[in-house]
Amino acid sequence: MLPMLGLFNLMRPHQWLKNVFVFAGLLFSENWRNPALIHQVLFAFAAFCCVSSMVYVVNDWLDRHADAEHPTKRFRPLASGQVTLPQAAVLGLVLLAVGYWLAAGNKVLLTLLALYIGLNVAYSLRLKRVPVVDVGVIASGFMIRLLAGTLAVGIAPSRWLLLTGLFVALFLGFSKRKAETFHDLASQRAVLADYPPALLDSFMAVTMTATIITYSLFATSPEAQGVHGERLIYTVPFVIFGLLRYAYQVHRGKGEDVARDLVRDPWILAAGVAWLLVFFGFLG
């Protein structure tokens, strides 16, 4: 039973929350009443869940020796010995095979999955130690998910959606690095030595501001007005509040694990619920 729990933890299923970016195109194009598109997007989401978990297996495999010396990461399944290398290899291959099967027949989705894998392997091997490039790779992962839910399923991606998605992904990436600076020096990742705290503050401020501006321009654009009417304008305050609240949490040492920390703050959750109610026309 213990190895099964270890294999489950090795997949990091809580990180699947990041894959909701796949649904952005379906949501903002208001195609959620199209069963065929919903089916394709669900398959794309499931494929990314498998492939992203496979990437975490590879990452933990490569980092197992360093993780074993880390005060908290030493409890990870591979670093602690809870999962053996052959078991991890089989799990990774199964996840890759299932992800490929889910995307079979969709050349665009297969290409995006291959690009996602390639970027993340390069990140694990080298790019995570290169300042700015490391966060660029993290942001690219979110953008690839967004394209998987638009181009890969035949939904034309809005230029505003792409810009907003890019800036919010960069904001989350730099927020993650900022949150990591609150660790003891012994447990910090190497790249943080090249990130002065004031510089990370600047990066967060710039990307958060850009996110607010691009989302606001999107909400007031003729393109959005034609699809959503006035509703999207009234979601802007909730986006601003959510970003400011998340920045506040980051400066309290949270935000290292985006998937967990986003859903742990009741105020951010409340802003998300309010956004959904306004977006779907239940409020206003």
C-alpha atoms as a PDB file:
ATOM      1  CA  MET A   1       0.000   0.000   0.000  1.00  0.00           C
ATOM      2  CA  LEU A   2       2.872   2.363   0.858  1.00  0.00           C
ATOM      3  CA  PRO A   3       4.494   2.193  -2.622  1.00  0.00           C
ATOM      4  CA  MET A   4       1.097   2.979  -4.200  1.00  0.00           C
ATOM      5  CA  LEU A   5       0.798   6.078  -2.032  1.00  0.00           C
ATOM      6  CA  GLY A   6       4.346   7.023  -2.974  1.00  0.00           C
ATOM      7  CA  LEU A   7       3.591   6.631  -6.690  1.00  0.00           C
ATOM      8  CA  PHE A   8       0.473   8.736  -6.276  1.00  0.00           C
ATOM      9  CA  ASN A   9       2.431  11.489  -4.518  1.00  0.00           C
ATOM     10  CA  LEU A  10       5.167  11.272  -7.139  1.00  0.00           C
ATOM     11  CA  MET A  11       2.613  12.341  -9.768  1.00  0.00           C
ATOM     12  CA  ARG A  12       1.823  15.478  -7.708  1.00  0.00           C
ATOM     13  CA  PRO A  13      -1.889  15.449  -8.641  1.00  0.00           C
ATOM     14  CA  HIS A  14      -2.533  18.722  -6.801  1.00  0.00           C
ATOM     15  CA  GLN A  15      -0.479  20.398  -9.543  1.00  0.00           C
ATOM     16  CA  TRP A  16      -3.152  19.447 -12.082  1.00  0.00           C
ATOM     17  CA  LEU A  17      -4.878  22.665 -11.047  1.00  0.00           C
ATOM     18  CA  LYS A  18      -2.410  24.463 -13.339  1.00  0.00           C
ATOM     19  CA  ASN A  19      -3.931  22.605 -16.283  1.00  0.00           C
ATOM     20  CA  VAL A  20      -7.179  24.581 -15.961  1.00  0.00           C
ATOM     21  CA  PHE A  21      -5.463  27.031 -18.333  1.00  0.00           C
ATOM     22  CA  VAL A  22      -6.574  24.548 -21.003  1.00  0.00           C
ATOM     23  CA  PHE A  23     -10.188  25.633 -20.379  1.00  0.00           C
ATOM     24  CA  ALA A  24      -9.534  29.373 -20.889  1.00  0.00           C
ATOM     25  CA  GLY A  25     -10.302  29.334 -24.617  1.00  0.00           C
ATOM     26  CA  LEU A  26     -13.525  27.380 -24.119  1.00  0.00           C
ATOM     27  CA  LEU A  27     -14.612  29.776 -21.368  1.00  0.00           C
ATOM     28  CA  PHE A  28     -13.841  33.090 -23.038  1.00  0.00           C
ATOM     29  CA  SER A  29     -15.177  32.019 -26.445  1.00  0.00           C
ATOM     30  CA  GLU A  30     -18.419  30.909 -24.725  1.00  0.00           C
ATOM     31  CA  ASN A  31     -18.281  27.528 -26.429  1.00  0.00           C
ATOM     32  CA  TRP A  32     -19.189  25.606 -23.277  1.00  0.00           C
ATOM     33  CA  ARG A  33     -22.476  24.570 -24.900  1.00  0.00           C
ATOM     34  CA  ASN A  34     -20.641  22.778 -27.716  1.00  0.00           C
ATOM     35  CA  PRO A  35     -20.389  19.068 -26.710  1.00  0.00           C
ATOM     36  CA  ALA A  36     -17.789  18.258 -29.368  1.00  0.00           C
ATOM     37  CA  LEU A  37     -15.472  21.059 -28.230  1.00  0.00           C
ATOM     38  CA  ILE A  38     -15.987  20.195 -24.567  1.00  0.00           C
ATOM     39  CA  HIS A  39     -14.968  16.611 -25.354  1.00  0.00           C
ATOM     40  CA  GLN A  40     -11.786  17.758 -27.121  1.00  0.00           C
ATOM     41  CA  VAL A  41     -10.825  20.174 -24.346  1.00  0.00           C
ATOM     42  CA  LEU A  42     -11.390  17.527 -21.665  1.00  0.00           C
ATOM     43  CA  PHE A  43      -9.104  15.151 -23.544  1.00  0.00           C
ATOM     44  CA  ALA A  44      -6.478  17.907 -23.832  1.00  0.00           C
ATOM     45  CA  PHE A  45      -6.782  18.587 -20.098  1.00  0.00           C
ATOM     46  CA  ALA A  46      -6.402  14.892 -19.263  1.00  0.00           C
ATOM     47  CA  ALA A  47      -3.408  14.586 -21.611  1.00  0.00           C
ATOM     48  CA  PHE A  48      -1.681  17.489 -19.861  1.00  0.00           C
ATOM     49  CA  CYS A  49      -2.418  15.970 -16.461  1.00  0.00           C
ATOM     50  CA  CYS A  50      -0.611  12.795 -17.538  1.00  0.00           C
ATOM     51  CA  VAL A  51       2.294  14.547 -19.236  1.00  0.00           C
ATOM     52  CA  SER A  52       2.805  17.127 -16.481  1.00  0.00           C
ATOM     53  CA  SER A  53       2.900  14.314 -13.913  1.00  0.00           C
ATOM     54  CA  MET A  54       5.428  12.475 -16.089  1.00  0.00           C
ATOM     55  CA  VAL A  55       7.573  15.625 -16.093  1.00  0.00           C
ATOM     56  CA  TYR A  56       7.459  15.722 -12.281  1.00  0.00           C
ATOM     57  CA  VAL A  57       8.631  12.093 -12.222  1.00  0.00           C
ATOM     58  CA  VAL A  58      11.592  13.023 -14.462  1.00  0.00           C
ATOM     59  CA  ASN A  59      12.341  16.109 -12.372  1.00  0.00           C
ATOM     60  CA  ASP A  60      12.345  14.146  -9.111  1.00  0.00           C
ATOM     61  CA  TRP A  61      14.479  11.432 -10.721  1.00  0.00           C
ATOM     62  CA  LEU A  62      17.130  13.976 -11.760  1.00  0.00           C
ATOM     63  CA  ASP A  63      17.024  15.845  -8.452  1.00  0.00           C
ATOM     64  CA  ARG A  64      16.790  12.845  -6.121  1.00  0.00           C
ATOM     65  CA  HIS A  65      20.323  13.188  -4.709  1.00  0.00           C
ATOM     66  CA  ALA A  66      20.030  16.945  -4.082  1.00  0.00           C
ATOM     67  CA  ASP A  67      16.520  16.466  -2.678  1.00  0.00           C
ATOM     68  CA  ALA A  68      17.830  13.876  -0.216  1.00  0.00           C
ATOM     69  CA  GLU A  69      20.003  16.615   1.349  1.00  0.00           C
ATOM     70  CA  HIS A  70      17.191  19.185   1.438  1.00  0.00           C
ATOM     71  CA  PRO A  71      15.362  19.727   4.767  1.00  0.00           C
ATOM     72  CA  THR A  72      11.875  19.346   3.246  1.00  0.00           C
ATOM     73  CA  LYS A  73      12.339  17.838  -0.215  1.00  0.00           C
ATOM     74  CA  ARG A  74      14.019  14.783   1.332  1.00  0.00           C
ATOM     75  CA  PHE A  75      10.534  13.457   2.042  1.00  0.00           C
ATOM     76  CA  ARG A  76       9.693  13.226  -1.673  1.00  0.00           C
ATOM     77  CA  PRO A  77       9.021   9.626  -2.796  1.00  0.00           C
ATOM     78  CA  LEU A  78      12.238   9.126  -4.782  1.00  0.00           C
ATOM     79  CA  ALA A  79      14.525  11.060  -2.437  1.00  0.00           C
ATOM     80  CA  SER A  80      13.217   9.158   0.587  1.00  0.00           C
ATOM     81  CA  GLY A  81      13.353   5.745  -1.106  1.00  0.00           C
ATOM     82  CA  GLN A  82       9.606   5.244  -0.781  1.00  0.00           C
ATOM     83  CA  VAL A  83       9.525   4.665  -4.559  1.00  0.00           C
ATOM     84  CA  THR A  84      12.309   2.800  -6.350  1.00  0.00           C
ATOM     85  CA  LEU A  85      13.885   3.939  -9.617  1.00  0.00           C
ATOM     86  CA  PRO A  86      12.352   1.053 -11.649  1.00  0.00           C
ATOM     87  CA  GLN A  87       8.899   1.847 -10.219  1.00  0.00           C
ATOM     88  CA  ALA A  88       9.309   5.519 -11.117  1.00  0.00           C
ATOM     89  CA  ALA A  89      10.467   4.591 -14.633  1.00  0.00           C
ATOM     90  CA  VAL A  90       7.416   2.406 -15.219  1.00  0.00           C
ATOM     91  CA  LEU A  91       5.102   5.117 -13.886  1.00  0.00           C
ATOM     92  CA  GLY A  92       6.685   7.737 -16.141  1.00  0.00           C
ATOM     93  CA  LEU A  93       6.346   5.544 -19.235  1.00  0.00           C
ATOM     94  CA  VAL A  94       2.710   4.714 -18.424  1.00  0.00           C
ATOM     95  CA  LEU A  95       1.869   8.398 -17.973  1.00  0.00           C
ATOM     96  CA  LEU A  96       3.590   9.277 -21.244  1.00  0.00           C
ATOM     97  CA  ALA A  97       1.752   6.485 -23.089  1.00  0.00           C
ATOM     98  CA  VAL A  98      -1.656   7.489 -21.711  1.00  0.00           C
ATOM     99  CA  GLY A  99      -0.985  11.154 -22.506  1.00  0.00           C
ATOM    100  CA  TYR A 100      -0.032  10.222 -26.074  1.00  0.00           C
ATOM    101  CA  TRP A 101      -3.141   8.054 -26.421  1.00  0.00           C
ATOM    102  CA  LEU A 102      -5.383  10.892 -25.224  1.00  0.00           C
ATOM    103  CA  ALA A 103      -3.844  13.243 -27.800  1.00  0.00           C
ATOM    104  CA  ALA A 104      -3.619  10.707 -30.649  1.00  0.00           C
ATOM    105  CA  GLY A 105      -4.983  12.052 -33.907  1.00  0.00           C
ATOM    106  CA  ASN A 106      -4.500  15.693 -32.918  1.00  0.00           C
ATOM    107  CA  LYS A 107      -1.182  16.776 -34.431  1.00  0.00           C
ATOM    108  CA  VAL A 108      -1.280  20.250 -32.899  1.00  0.00           C
ATOM    109  CA  LEU A 109      -1.882  18.878 -29.414  1.00  0.00           C
ATOM    110  CA  LEU A 110       0.845  16.256 -29.845  1.00  0.00           C
ATOM    111  CA  THR A 111       3.273  18.986 -30.945  1.00  0.00           C
ATOM    112  CA  LEU A 112       2.387  21.141 -27.940  1.00  0.00           C
ATOM    113  CA  LEU A 113       2.824  18.196 -25.564  1.00  0.00           C
ATOM    114  CA  ALA A 114       6.228  17.411 -27.097  1.00  0.00           C
ATOM    115  CA  LEU A 115       7.247  21.062 -26.757  1.00  0.00           C
ATOM    116  CA  TYR A 116       6.070  21.079 -23.136  1.00  0.00           C
ATOM    117  CA  ILE A 117       8.098  17.961 -22.346  1.00  0.00           C
ATOM    118  CA  GLY A 118      11.202  19.274 -24.114  1.00  0.00           C
ATOM    119  CA  LEU A 119      11.110  22.635 -22.334  1.00  0.00           C
ATOM    120  CA  ASN A 120      10.608  21.047 -18.925  1.00  0.00           C
ATOM    121  CA  VAL A 121      13.379  18.492 -19.374  1.00  0.00           C
ATOM    122  CA  ALA A 122      15.697  21.342 -20.429  1.00  0.00           C
ATOM    123  CA  TYR A 123      14.501  23.234 -17.344  1.00  0.00           C
ATOM    124  CA  SER A 124      15.337  20.328 -15.052  1.00  0.00           C
ATOM    125  CA  LEU A 125      18.742  19.766 -16.645  1.00  0.00           C
ATOM    126  CA  ARG A 126      19.980  23.353 -16.954  1.00  0.00           C
ATOM    127  CA  LEU A 127      17.512  26.217 -17.461  1.00  0.00           C
ATOM    128  CA  LYS A 128      16.257  26.334 -13.873  1.00  0.00           C
ATOM    129  CA  ARG A 129      19.677  27.738 -12.943  1.00  0.00           C
ATOM    130  CA  VAL A 130      19.523  30.631 -15.442  1.00  0.00           C
ATOM    131  CA  PRO A 131      17.881  33.794 -14.036  1.00  0.00           C
ATOM    132  CA  VAL A 132      14.795  35.092 -15.900  1.00  0.00           C
ATOM    133  CA  VAL A 133      15.047  32.180 -18.351  1.00  0.00           C
ATOM    134  CA  ASP A 134      13.859  29.883 -15.565  1.00  0.00           C
ATOM    135  CA  VAL A 135      10.656  31.866 -15.044  1.00  0.00           C
ATOM    136  CA  GLY A 136      10.259  32.212 -18.805  1.00  0.00           C
ATOM    137  CA  VAL A 137      10.121  28.424 -19.076  1.00  0.00           C
ATOM    138  CA  ILE A 138       7.545  28.239 -16.275  1.00  0.00           C
ATOM    139  CA  ALA A 139       5.420  30.850 -18.051  1.00  0.00           C
ATOM    140  CA  SER A 140       5.817  28.992 -21.348  1.00  0.00           C
ATOM    141  CA  GLY A 141       4.262  25.932 -19.733  1.00  0.00           C
ATOM    142  CA  PHE A 142       1.123  27.929 -18.947  1.00  0.00           C
ATOM    143  CA  MET A 143       1.014  29.402 -22.455  1.00  0.00           C
ATOM    144  CA  ILE A 144       1.338  25.954 -24.026  1.00  0.00           C
ATOM    145  CA  ARG A 145      -1.643  24.822 -21.953  1.00  0.00           C
ATOM    146  CA  LEU A 146      -3.597  27.857 -23.136  1.00  0.00           C
ATOM    147  CA  LEU A 147      -2.785  27.037 -26.775  1.00  0.00           C
ATOM    148  CA  ALA A 148      -3.810  23.419 -26.186  1.00  0.00           C
ATOM    149  CA  GLY A 149      -7.281  24.689 -25.295  1.00  0.00           C
ATOM    150  CA  THR A 150      -7.489  27.028 -28.278  1.00  0.00           C
ATOM    151  CA  LEU A 151      -5.397  26.234 -31.378  1.00  0.00           C
ATOM    152  CA  ALA A 152      -5.353  22.503 -30.715  1.00  0.00           C
ATOM    153  CA  VAL A 153      -9.158  22.260 -30.614  1.00  0.00           C
ATOM    154  CA  GLY A 154      -9.991  24.778 -33.339  1.00  0.00           C
ATOM    155  CA  ILE A 155     -10.728  27.835 -31.170  1.00  0.00           C
ATOM    156  CA  ALA A 156      -8.994  30.963 -32.446  1.00  0.00           C
ATOM    157  CA  PRO A 157      -7.000  32.379 -29.505  1.00  0.00           C
ATOM    158  CA  SER A 158      -7.764  36.015 -28.710  1.00  0.00           C
ATOM    159  CA  ARG A 159      -4.680  38.254 -28.751  1.00  0.00           C
ATOM    160  CA  TRP A 160      -5.870  39.747 -25.461  1.00  0.00           C
ATOM    161  CA  LEU A 161      -6.252  36.311 -23.915  1.00  0.00           C
ATOM    162  CA  LEU A 162      -2.721  35.403 -24.974  1.00  0.00           C
ATOM    163  CA  LEU A 163      -1.257  38.631 -23.594  1.00  0.00           C
ATOM    164  CA  THR A 164      -3.133  38.400 -20.300  1.00  0.00           C
ATOM    165  CA  GLY A 165      -2.223  34.729 -19.970  1.00  0.00           C
ATOM    166  CA  LEU A 166       1.442  35.512 -20.585  1.00  0.00           C
ATOM    167  CA  PHE A 167       1.634  38.261 -17.977  1.00  0.00           C
ATOM    168  CA  VAL A 168      -0.269  36.365 -15.289  1.00  0.00           C
ATOM    169  CA  ALA A 169       1.984  33.346 -15.896  1.00  0.00           C
ATOM    170  CA  LEU A 170       5.092  35.531 -15.498  1.00  0.00           C
ATOM    171  CA  PHE A 171       3.604  37.101 -12.368  1.00  0.00           C
ATOM    172  CA  LEU A 172       3.017  33.672 -10.826  1.00  0.00           C
ATOM    173  CA  GLY A 173       6.525  32.556 -11.809  1.00  0.00           C
ATOM    174  CA  PHE A 174       8.276  35.557 -10.241  1.00  0.00           C
ATOM    175  CA  SER A 175       5.973  35.294  -7.211  1.00  0.00           C
ATOM    176  CA  LYS A 176       7.147  31.707  -6.772  1.00  0.00           C
ATOM    177  CA  ARG A 177      10.779  32.836  -6.811  1.00  0.00           C
ATOM    178  CA  LYS A 178      10.012  35.634  -4.339  1.00  0.00           C
ATOM    179  CA  ALA A 179       8.292  33.203  -1.966  1.00  0.00           C
ATOM    180  CA  GLU A 180      11.340  30.919  -2.126  1.00  0.00           C
ATOM    181  CA  THR A 181      13.575  33.710  -0.797  1.00  0.00           C
ATOM    182  CA  PHE A 182      11.945  33.346   2.628  1.00  0.00           C
ATOM    183  CA  HIS A 183      13.552  29.910   3.066  1.00  0.00           C
ATOM    184  CA  ASP A 184      16.769  29.419   4.979  1.00  0.00           C
ATOM    185  CA  LEU A 185      19.809  29.886   2.756  1.00  0.00           C
ATOM    186  CA  ALA A 186      20.640  26.176   3.012  1.00  0.00           C
ATOM    187  CA  SER A 187      17.305  25.195   1.477  1.00  0.00           C
ATOM    188  CA  GLN A 188      17.101  27.839  -1.257  1.00  0.00           C
ATOM    189  CA  ARG A 189      17.519  26.901  -4.906  1.00  0.00           C
ATOM    190  CA  ALA A 190      20.803  27.985  -6.505  1.00  0.00           C
ATOM    191  CA  VAL A 191      19.308  30.502  -8.949  1.00  0.00           C
ATOM    192  CA  LEU A 192      18.082  32.703  -6.076  1.00  0.00           C
ATOM    193  CA  ALA A 193      21.661  33.828  -5.503  1.00  0.00           C
ATOM    194  CA  ASP A 194      21.313  35.767  -8.778  1.00  0.00           C
ATOM    195  CA  TYR A 195      17.909  37.244  -7.906  1.00  0.00           C
ATOM    196  CA  PRO A 196      18.223  40.269  -5.594  1.00  0.00           C
ATOM    197  CA  PRO A 197      14.982  40.538  -3.566  1.00  0.00           C
ATOM    198  CA  ALA A 198      14.383  44.088  -4.815  1.00  0.00           C
ATOM    199  CA  LEU A 199      14.633  42.882  -8.415  1.00  0.00           C
ATOM    200  CA  LEU A 200      12.036  40.179  -7.783  1.00  0.00           C
ATOM    201  CA  ASP A 201       9.771  42.832  -6.247  1.00  0.00           C
ATOM    202  CA  SER A 202      10.155  44.888  -9.429  1.00  0.00           C
ATOM    203  CA  PHE A 203       9.443  41.897 -11.661  1.00  0.00           C
ATOM    204  CA  MET A 204       6.317  41.092  -9.649  1.00  0.00           C
ATOM    205  CA  ALA A 205       5.110  44.697  -9.796  1.00  0.00           C
ATOM    206  CA  VAL A 206       5.699  44.989 -13.551  1.00  0.00           C
ATOM    207  CA  THR A 207       4.003  41.712 -14.457  1.00  0.00           C
ATOM    208  CA  MET A 208       1.074  42.295 -12.089  1.00  0.00           C
ATOM    209  CA  THR A 209       0.537  45.778 -13.552  1.00  0.00           C
ATOM    210  CA  ALA A 210       0.743  44.388 -17.085  1.00  0.00           C
ATOM    211  CA  THR A 211      -1.789  41.686 -16.184  1.00  0.00           C
ATOM    212  CA  ILE A 212      -4.251  44.262 -14.835  1.00  0.00           C
ATOM    213  CA  ILE A 213      -3.822  46.536 -17.868  1.00  0.00           C
ATOM    214  CA  THR A 214      -4.173  43.799 -20.489  1.00  0.00           C
ATOM    215  CA  TYR A 215      -7.144  42.190 -18.747  1.00  0.00           C
ATOM    216  CA  SER A 216      -8.844  45.575 -18.385  1.00  0.00           C
ATOM    217  CA  LEU A 217      -8.226  46.370 -22.060  1.00  0.00           C
ATOM    218  CA  PHE A 218      -9.560  42.938 -22.965  1.00  0.00           C
ATOM    219  CA  ALA A 219     -12.691  43.461 -20.838  1.00  0.00           C
ATOM    220  CA  THR A 220     -13.426  46.801 -22.515  1.00  0.00           C
ATOM    221  CA  SER A 221     -12.477  45.780 -26.069  1.00  0.00           C
ATOM    222  CA  PRO A 222     -15.116  45.591 -28.832  1.00  0.00           C
ATOM    223  CA  GLU A 223     -14.148  41.929 -29.229  1.00  0.00           C
ATOM    224  CA  ALA A 224     -15.085  41.105 -25.625  1.00  0.00           C
ATOM    225  CA  GLN A 225     -18.146  43.350 -25.717  1.00  0.00           C
ATOM    226  CA  GLY A 226     -19.425  41.441 -28.740  1.00  0.00           C
ATOM    227  CA  VAL A 227     -19.113  38.082 -26.992  1.00  0.00           C
ATOM    228  CA  HIS A 228     -19.765  38.875 -23.330  1.00  0.00           C
ATOM    229  CA  GLY A 229     -21.605  42.180 -23.365  1.00  0.00           C
ATOM    230  CA  GLU A 230     -20.861  44.380 -20.347  1.00  0.00           C
ATOM    231  CA  ARG A 231     -20.315  41.502 -17.926  1.00  0.00           C
ATOM    232  CA  LEU A 232     -16.567  41.220 -18.325  1.00  0.00           C
ATOM    233  CA  ILE A 233     -16.027  44.841 -17.268  1.00  0.00           C
ATOM    234  CA  TYR A 234     -17.508  44.106 -13.854  1.00  0.00           C
ATOM    235  CA  THR A 235     -15.052  41.245 -13.295  1.00  0.00           C
ATOM    236  CA  VAL A 236     -12.041  43.599 -13.373  1.00  0.00           C
ATOM    237  CA  PRO A 237     -12.203  44.556  -9.640  1.00  0.00           C
ATOM    238  CA  PHE A 238     -12.100  40.883  -8.643  1.00  0.00           C
ATOM    239  CA  VAL A 239      -9.029  40.285 -10.808  1.00  0.00           C
ATOM    240  CA  ILE A 240      -7.265  43.288  -9.269  1.00  0.00           C
ATOM    241  CA  PHE A 241      -8.174  42.197  -5.750  1.00  0.00           C
ATOM    242  CA  GLY A 242      -7.051  38.606  -6.381  1.00  0.00           C
ATOM    243  CA  LEU A 243      -3.659  39.715  -7.707  1.00  0.00           C
ATOM    244  CA  LEU A 244      -3.075  42.160  -4.856  1.00  0.00           C
ATOM    245  CA  ARG A 245      -4.106  39.582  -2.279  1.00  0.00           C
ATOM    246  CA  TYR A 246      -1.800  36.975  -3.821  1.00  0.00           C
ATOM    247  CA  ALA A 247       1.112  39.463  -3.783  1.00  0.00           C
ATOM    248  CA  TYR A 248       0.367  40.088  -0.105  1.00  0.00           C
ATOM    249  CA  GLN A 249       0.462  36.354   0.615  1.00  0.00           C
ATOM    250  CA  VAL A 250       3.751  35.979  -1.275  1.00  0.00           C
ATOM    251  CA  HIS A 251       5.359  38.610   0.947  1.00  0.00           C
ATOM    252  CA  ARG A 252       4.241  36.556   3.935  1.00  0.00           C
ATOM    253  CA  GLY A 253       6.293  33.619   2.627  1.00  0.00           C
ATOM    254  CA  LYS A 254       3.507  31.844   0.750  1.00  0.00           C
ATOM    255  CA  GLY A 255       3.143  31.302  -2.986  1.00  0.00           C
ATOM    256  CA  GLU A 256       5.946  28.805  -3.568  1.00  0.00           C
ATOM    257  CA  ASP A 257       3.405  26.148  -4.507  1.00  0.00           C
ATOM    258  CA  VAL A 258       0.968  28.044  -6.727  1.00  0.00           C
ATOM    259  CA  ALA A 259      -1.510  25.183  -7.050  1.00  0.00           C
ATOM    260  CA  ARG A 260      -1.858  24.826  -3.277  1.00  0.00           C
ATOM    261  CA  ASP A 261      -1.590  28.443  -2.169  1.00  0.00           C
ATOM    262  CA  LEU A 262      -4.173  29.790  -4.603  1.00  0.00           C
ATOM    263  CA  VAL A 263      -6.885  27.601  -3.074  1.00  0.00           C
ATOM    264  CA  ARG A 264      -5.813  27.990   0.557  1.00  0.00           C
ATOM    265  CA  ASP A 265      -6.627  31.677   0.875  1.00  0.00           C
ATOM    266  CA  PRO A 266     -10.377  32.173   1.491  1.00  0.00           C
ATOM    267  CA  TRP A 267     -10.275  35.738   0.162  1.00  0.00           C
ATOM    268  CA  ILE A 268      -8.767  34.674  -3.165  1.00  0.00           C
ATOM    269  CA  LEU A 269     -11.309  31.861  -3.363  1.00  0.00           C
ATOM    270  CA  ALA A 270     -14.122  34.333  -2.658  1.00  0.00           C
ATOM    271  CA  ALA A 271     -12.838  36.629  -5.418  1.00  0.00           C
ATOM    272  CA  GLY A 272     -12.737  33.668  -7.805  1.00  0.00           C
ATOM    273  CA  VAL A 273     -16.301  32.676  -6.975  1.00  0.00           C
ATOM    274  CA  ALA A 274     -17.482  36.275  -7.411  1.00  0.00           C
ATOM    275  CA  TRP A 275     -15.684  36.445 -10.764  1.00  0.00           C
ATOM    276  CA  LEU A 276     -17.476  33.311 -11.941  1.00  0.00           C
ATOM    277  CA  LEU A 277     -20.874  34.566 -10.755  1.00  0.00           C
ATOM    278  CA  VAL A 278     -20.444  37.851 -12.640  1.00  0.00           C
ATOM    279  CA  PHE A 279     -18.981  36.168 -15.710  1.00  0.00           C
ATOM    280  CA  PHE A 280     -21.907  33.766 -16.013  1.00  0.00           C
ATOM    281  CA  GLY A 281     -24.405  36.523 -15.358  1.00  0.00           C
ATOM    282  CA  PHE A 282     -25.599  35.490 -11.895  1.00  0.00           C
ATOM    283  CA  LEU A 283     -24.616  38.871 -10.452  1.00  0.00           C
ATOM    284  CA  GLY A 284     -25.036  42.306 -11.942  1.00  0.00           C
END
